[in-house]
Amino acid sequence: MLRSFGQISLVMLGLFSFLFLGVAVGAEQSYVPPKGFVPDEQTAVRIAEAVLGPIYGEEQIARERPFTAVLKGEIWTVEGHLPASQNKGGVALAEISKLDGRILRVTHGK
């Protein structure tokens, strides 16, 4: 019994060491561009369209072009536009972190 406990302890120690080293290696710093991963309006719009298309349909998103992006603080707000022939309805909207590109919010007006 003592031998089994010792073997189990040794295996557990090895497993925890492996996991700890894996986390430490995975936690290495990555290059971060000085202006963030989403530095400008064009990049924000491209990211938003890539995210919104699969959610609301590529055709719908194409009808809402051109998209515009406004930076407030560190968050890009990207919105579509209603076609000139349409005066009712809503448009797609995405909020994207300038610093790391995370999608913070996605919605579509009605």
N, C-alpha and C. Protein backbone atom coordinates (compact mmCIF):
# COMPACT_ATOMS: atom_id res chain seq x y z
N MET A 1 0.83 -1.20 0.00
CA MET A 1 0.00 0.00 0.00
C MET A 1 0.87 1.26 0.00
N LEU A 2 1.92 1.25 0.81
CA LEU A 2 2.80 2.41 0.88
C LEU A 2 3.49 2.64 -0.46
N ARG A 3 3.85 1.51 -1.11
CA ARG A 3 4.51 1.63 -2.40
C ARG A 3 3.55 2.24 -3.42
N SER A 4 2.31 1.84 -3.43
CA SER A 4 1.32 2.40 -4.35
C SER A 4 1.13 3.88 -4.10
N PHE A 5 1.06 4.25 -2.84
CA PHE A 5 0.90 5.67 -2.50
C PHE A 5 2.10 6.46 -2.99
N GLY A 6 3.29 5.90 -2.81
CA GLY A 6 4.52 6.57 -3.25
C GLY A 6 4.55 6.71 -4.76
N GLN A 7 4.11 5.66 -5.47
CA GLN A 7 4.09 5.73 -6.93
C GLN A 7 3.06 6.75 -7.41
N ILE A 8 1.91 6.74 -6.76
CA ILE A 8 0.86 7.70 -7.14
C ILE A 8 1.35 9.12 -6.87
N SER A 9 2.00 9.33 -5.74
CA SER A 9 2.52 10.66 -5.41
C SER A 9 3.55 11.11 -6.44
N LEU A 10 4.41 10.20 -6.85
CA LEU A 10 5.43 10.52 -7.83
C LEU A 10 4.81 10.87 -9.18
N VAL A 11 3.80 10.11 -9.58
CA VAL A 11 3.11 10.39 -10.84
C VAL A 11 2.41 11.74 -10.75
N MET A 12 1.74 12.01 -9.63
CA MET A 12 1.05 13.29 -9.47
C MET A 12 2.03 14.46 -9.49
N LEU A 13 3.16 14.30 -8.83
CA LEU A 13 4.18 15.34 -8.82
C LEU A 13 4.68 15.61 -10.24
N GLY A 14 4.91 14.55 -10.99
CA GLY A 14 5.35 14.70 -12.38
C GLY A 14 4.30 15.39 -13.22
N LEU A 15 3.03 15.02 -13.03
CA LEU A 15 1.94 15.63 -13.79
C LEU A 15 1.83 17.11 -13.47
N PHE A 16 1.85 17.46 -12.20
CA PHE A 16 1.76 18.88 -11.82
C PHE A 16 2.96 19.66 -12.33
N SER A 17 4.15 19.06 -12.28
CA SER A 17 5.33 19.74 -12.80
C SER A 17 5.18 20.00 -14.29
N PHE A 18 4.70 19.00 -15.03
CA PHE A 18 4.50 19.15 -16.47
C PHE A 18 3.48 20.25 -16.76
N LEU A 19 2.37 20.24 -16.03
CA LEU A 19 1.34 21.26 -16.24
C LEU A 19 1.87 22.64 -15.89
N PHE A 20 2.62 22.75 -14.80
CA PHE A 20 3.17 24.03 -14.41
C PHE A 20 4.12 24.56 -15.46
N LEU A 21 5.00 23.70 -15.96
CA LEU A 21 5.95 24.13 -16.99
C LEU A 21 5.21 24.50 -18.27
N GLY A 22 4.16 23.76 -18.61
CA GLY A 22 3.37 24.07 -19.80
C GLY A 22 2.71 25.43 -19.69
N VAL A 23 2.17 25.74 -18.53
CA VAL A 23 1.54 27.04 -18.32
C VAL A 23 2.58 28.14 -18.36
N ALA A 24 3.72 27.90 -17.75
CA ALA A 24 4.78 28.92 -17.73
C ALA A 24 5.27 29.21 -19.15
N VAL A 25 5.43 28.17 -19.96
CA VAL A 25 5.89 28.36 -21.33
C VAL A 25 4.80 29.05 -22.14
N GLY A 26 3.53 28.66 -21.96
CA GLY A 26 2.43 29.25 -22.69
C GLY A 26 2.16 30.69 -22.30
N ALA A 27 2.66 31.10 -21.16
CA ALA A 27 2.38 32.44 -20.66
C ALA A 27 3.43 33.46 -21.13
N GLU A 28 4.30 33.05 -22.05
CA GLU A 28 5.32 33.97 -22.55
C GLU A 28 4.65 35.19 -23.16
N GLN A 29 5.33 36.29 -23.10
CA GLN A 29 4.84 37.52 -23.67
C GLN A 29 4.82 37.42 -25.18
N SER A 30 3.83 38.05 -25.77
CA SER A 30 3.70 38.14 -27.22
C SER A 30 3.97 39.58 -27.62
N TYR A 31 4.38 39.77 -28.84
CA TYR A 31 4.57 41.12 -29.35
C TYR A 31 3.23 41.84 -29.37
N VAL A 32 3.19 43.04 -28.89
CA VAL A 32 1.99 43.87 -28.93
C VAL A 32 2.35 45.14 -29.70
N PRO A 33 1.68 45.36 -30.83
CA PRO A 33 1.98 46.57 -31.60
C PRO A 33 1.75 47.83 -30.77
N PRO A 34 2.56 48.86 -30.95
CA PRO A 34 2.44 50.09 -30.16
C PRO A 34 1.05 50.72 -30.23
N LYS A 35 0.38 50.61 -31.38
CA LYS A 35 -0.95 51.19 -31.54
C LYS A 35 -2.05 50.17 -31.30
N GLY A 36 -1.72 49.01 -30.75
CA GLY A 36 -2.70 47.96 -30.51
C GLY A 36 -2.86 47.09 -31.75
N PHE A 37 -3.61 45.99 -31.60
CA PHE A 37 -3.82 45.06 -32.71
C PHE A 37 -4.83 45.58 -33.72
N VAL A 38 -5.62 46.57 -33.33
CA VAL A 38 -6.60 47.17 -34.24
C VAL A 38 -6.31 48.68 -34.28
N PRO A 39 -5.31 49.07 -35.06
CA PRO A 39 -4.81 50.44 -34.98
C PRO A 39 -5.63 51.49 -35.72
N ASP A 40 -6.48 51.04 -36.66
CA ASP A 40 -7.16 52.05 -37.48
C ASP A 40 -8.57 51.59 -37.88
N GLU A 41 -9.32 52.53 -38.47
CA GLU A 41 -10.71 52.29 -38.85
C GLU A 41 -10.82 51.13 -39.85
N GLN A 42 -9.94 51.09 -40.83
CA GLN A 42 -10.01 50.04 -41.84
C GLN A 42 -9.88 48.66 -41.22
N THR A 43 -8.96 48.49 -40.30
CA THR A 43 -8.78 47.19 -39.64
C THR A 43 -10.01 46.84 -38.81
N ALA A 44 -10.56 47.81 -38.09
CA ALA A 44 -11.75 47.57 -37.27
C ALA A 44 -12.92 47.13 -38.14
N VAL A 45 -13.11 47.79 -39.27
CA VAL A 45 -14.22 47.43 -40.17
C VAL A 45 -14.03 46.03 -40.72
N ARG A 46 -12.82 45.68 -41.13
CA ARG A 46 -12.57 44.34 -41.68
C ARG A 46 -12.85 43.26 -40.63
N ILE A 47 -12.43 43.50 -39.40
CA ILE A 47 -12.69 42.53 -38.33
C ILE A 47 -14.20 42.41 -38.09
N ALA A 48 -14.87 43.55 -37.99
CA ALA A 48 -16.31 43.53 -37.73
C ALA A 48 -17.06 42.79 -38.82
N GLU A 49 -16.75 43.06 -40.08
CA GLU A 49 -17.44 42.38 -41.18
C GLU A 49 -17.19 40.87 -41.14
N ALA A 50 -15.97 40.47 -40.78
CA ALA A 50 -15.65 39.04 -40.68
C ALA A 50 -16.45 38.36 -39.58
N VAL A 51 -16.73 39.08 -38.51
CA VAL A 51 -17.48 38.52 -37.39
C VAL A 51 -18.99 38.59 -37.66
N LEU A 52 -19.47 39.70 -38.21
CA LEU A 52 -20.90 39.90 -38.40
C LEU A 52 -21.48 39.04 -39.52
N GLY A 53 -20.72 38.80 -40.57
CA GLY A 53 -21.21 38.02 -41.71
C GLY A 53 -21.78 36.66 -41.34
N PRO A 54 -21.04 35.83 -40.63
CA PRO A 54 -21.56 34.52 -40.26
C PRO A 54 -22.76 34.58 -39.30
N ILE A 55 -22.87 35.66 -38.56
CA ILE A 55 -23.96 35.78 -37.59
C ILE A 55 -25.25 36.23 -38.26
N TYR A 56 -25.17 37.30 -39.04
CA TYR A 56 -26.38 37.91 -39.62
C TYR A 56 -26.56 37.61 -41.11
N GLY A 57 -25.60 36.95 -41.70
CA GLY A 57 -25.67 36.60 -43.12
C GLY A 57 -24.83 37.55 -43.96
N GLU A 58 -24.04 36.98 -44.84
CA GLU A 58 -23.15 37.77 -45.67
C GLU A 58 -23.92 38.77 -46.54
N GLU A 59 -25.06 38.35 -47.06
CA GLU A 59 -25.85 39.25 -47.91
C GLU A 59 -26.36 40.46 -47.12
N GLN A 60 -26.83 40.21 -45.90
CA GLN A 60 -27.33 41.30 -45.06
C GLN A 60 -26.20 42.29 -44.76
N ILE A 61 -25.06 41.77 -44.42
CA ILE A 61 -23.93 42.64 -44.09
C ILE A 61 -23.48 43.43 -45.33
N ALA A 62 -23.50 42.80 -46.48
CA ALA A 62 -23.13 43.50 -47.72
C ALA A 62 -24.09 44.66 -48.00
N ARG A 63 -25.37 44.48 -47.68
CA ARG A 63 -26.36 45.55 -47.90
C ARG A 63 -26.13 46.73 -46.95
N GLU A 64 -25.46 46.52 -45.85
CA GLU A 64 -25.24 47.58 -44.86
C GLU A 64 -23.94 48.35 -45.08
N ARG A 65 -23.21 48.01 -46.13
CA ARG A 65 -21.99 48.76 -46.43
C ARG A 65 -22.34 50.13 -46.97
N PRO A 66 -21.52 51.11 -46.71
CA PRO A 66 -20.22 51.04 -46.04
C PRO A 66 -20.36 51.05 -44.52
N PHE A 67 -19.45 50.35 -43.87
CA PHE A 67 -19.38 50.37 -42.41
C PHE A 67 -18.44 51.49 -41.99
N THR A 68 -18.73 52.08 -40.86
CA THR A 68 -17.84 53.10 -40.31
C THR A 68 -17.42 52.68 -38.91
N ALA A 69 -16.26 53.13 -38.52
CA ALA A 69 -15.74 52.81 -37.19
C ALA A 69 -15.34 54.10 -36.49
N VAL A 70 -15.73 54.20 -35.22
CA VAL A 70 -15.40 55.36 -34.40
C VAL A 70 -14.68 54.85 -33.16
N LEU A 71 -13.55 55.47 -32.86
CA LEU A 71 -12.76 55.07 -31.69
C LEU A 71 -13.10 55.98 -30.52
N LYS A 72 -13.53 55.36 -29.41
CA LYS A 72 -13.76 56.09 -28.16
C LYS A 72 -12.94 55.38 -27.09
N GLY A 73 -11.96 56.08 -26.58
CA GLY A 73 -11.06 55.44 -25.62
C GLY A 73 -10.27 54.35 -26.33
N GLU A 74 -10.42 53.15 -25.89
CA GLU A 74 -9.72 52.00 -26.48
C GLU A 74 -10.69 51.05 -27.18
N ILE A 75 -11.90 51.51 -27.50
CA ILE A 75 -12.91 50.63 -28.10
C ILE A 75 -13.39 51.22 -29.42
N TRP A 76 -13.30 50.38 -30.47
CA TRP A 76 -13.85 50.74 -31.77
C TRP A 76 -15.32 50.33 -31.80
N THR A 77 -16.20 51.25 -32.22
CA THR A 77 -17.60 50.92 -32.46
C THR A 77 -17.79 50.97 -33.97
N VAL A 78 -18.15 49.83 -34.53
CA VAL A 78 -18.30 49.69 -35.98
C VAL A 78 -19.77 49.49 -36.28
N GLU A 79 -20.32 50.31 -37.19
CA GLU A 79 -21.75 50.24 -37.54
C GLU A 79 -21.93 50.23 -39.04
N GLY A 80 -22.98 49.51 -39.45
CA GLY A 80 -23.38 49.53 -40.84
C GLY A 80 -24.30 50.71 -41.11
N HIS A 81 -24.76 50.83 -42.35
CA HIS A 81 -25.67 51.90 -42.74
C HIS A 81 -26.87 51.31 -43.46
N LEU A 82 -28.02 51.94 -43.26
CA LEU A 82 -29.22 51.53 -44.00
C LEU A 82 -29.07 51.95 -45.45
N PRO A 83 -29.55 51.12 -46.38
CA PRO A 83 -29.55 51.53 -47.78
C PRO A 83 -30.40 52.80 -47.94
N ALA A 84 -30.08 53.63 -48.91
CA ALA A 84 -30.79 54.90 -49.13
C ALA A 84 -32.28 54.67 -49.36
N SER A 85 -32.65 53.54 -49.94
CA SER A 85 -34.05 53.25 -50.23
C SER A 85 -34.83 52.77 -49.00
N GLN A 86 -34.14 52.58 -47.90
CA GLN A 86 -34.78 52.02 -46.69
C GLN A 86 -34.70 53.06 -45.57
N ASN A 87 -35.85 53.44 -45.03
CA ASN A 87 -35.83 54.41 -43.94
C ASN A 87 -36.22 53.80 -42.60
N LYS A 88 -36.52 52.52 -42.57
CA LYS A 88 -36.83 51.83 -41.32
C LYS A 88 -35.89 50.65 -41.15
N GLY A 89 -35.68 50.31 -39.91
CA GLY A 89 -34.86 49.13 -39.64
C GLY A 89 -33.60 49.51 -38.89
N GLY A 90 -32.79 48.52 -38.64
CA GLY A 90 -31.57 48.73 -37.89
C GLY A 90 -30.38 48.18 -38.63
N VAL A 91 -29.22 48.40 -38.05
CA VAL A 91 -27.98 47.95 -38.66
C VAL A 91 -27.15 47.16 -37.66
N ALA A 92 -26.18 46.44 -38.20
CA ALA A 92 -25.27 45.66 -37.37
C ALA A 92 -24.30 46.60 -36.66
N LEU A 93 -23.89 46.18 -35.48
CA LEU A 93 -22.95 46.95 -34.68
C LEU A 93 -22.01 45.98 -33.97
N ALA A 94 -20.74 46.32 -33.95
CA ALA A 94 -19.76 45.52 -33.21
C ALA A 94 -18.84 46.47 -32.44
N GLU A 95 -18.50 46.08 -31.24
CA GLU A 95 -17.51 46.81 -30.46
C GLU A 95 -16.28 45.93 -30.32
N ILE A 96 -15.13 46.52 -30.63
CA ILE A 96 -13.87 45.77 -30.71
C ILE A 96 -12.80 46.49 -29.90
N SER A 97 -12.06 45.73 -29.11
CA SER A 97 -10.95 46.30 -28.34
C SER A 97 -9.81 46.68 -29.28
N LYS A 98 -9.38 47.92 -29.20
CA LYS A 98 -8.24 48.38 -30.00
C LYS A 98 -6.96 47.67 -29.57
N LEU A 99 -6.83 47.42 -28.29
CA LEU A 99 -5.59 46.87 -27.75
C LEU A 99 -5.35 45.43 -28.17
N ASP A 100 -6.39 44.57 -28.06
CA ASP A 100 -6.15 43.15 -28.31
C ASP A 100 -7.10 42.51 -29.33
N GLY A 101 -8.02 43.29 -29.91
CA GLY A 101 -8.89 42.76 -30.95
C GLY A 101 -10.07 41.94 -30.45
N ARG A 102 -10.28 41.89 -29.15
CA ARG A 102 -11.43 41.13 -28.63
C ARG A 102 -12.73 41.74 -29.12
N ILE A 103 -13.68 40.87 -29.41
CA ILE A 103 -15.03 41.32 -29.78
C ILE A 103 -15.78 41.49 -28.46
N LEU A 104 -16.13 42.72 -28.14
CA LEU A 104 -16.75 43.02 -26.86
C LEU A 104 -18.28 42.95 -26.92
N ARG A 105 -18.83 43.28 -28.09
CA ARG A 105 -20.29 43.28 -28.22
C ARG A 105 -20.65 43.19 -29.69
N VAL A 106 -21.72 42.45 -29.97
CA VAL A 106 -22.28 42.33 -31.31
C VAL A 106 -23.78 42.42 -31.18
N THR A 107 -24.40 43.25 -32.01
CA THR A 107 -25.84 43.37 -31.98
C THR A 107 -26.35 43.83 -33.35
N HIS A 108 -27.65 43.77 -33.51
CA HIS A 108 -28.27 44.27 -34.75
C HIS A 108 -29.58 44.93 -34.38
N GLY A 109 -29.74 46.18 -34.79
CA GLY A 109 -30.98 46.90 -34.52
C GLY A 109 -32.14 46.34 -35.32
N LYS A 110 -33.34 46.74 -34.96
CA LYS A 110 -34.54 46.26 -35.65
C LYS A 110 -35.23 47.40 -36.35
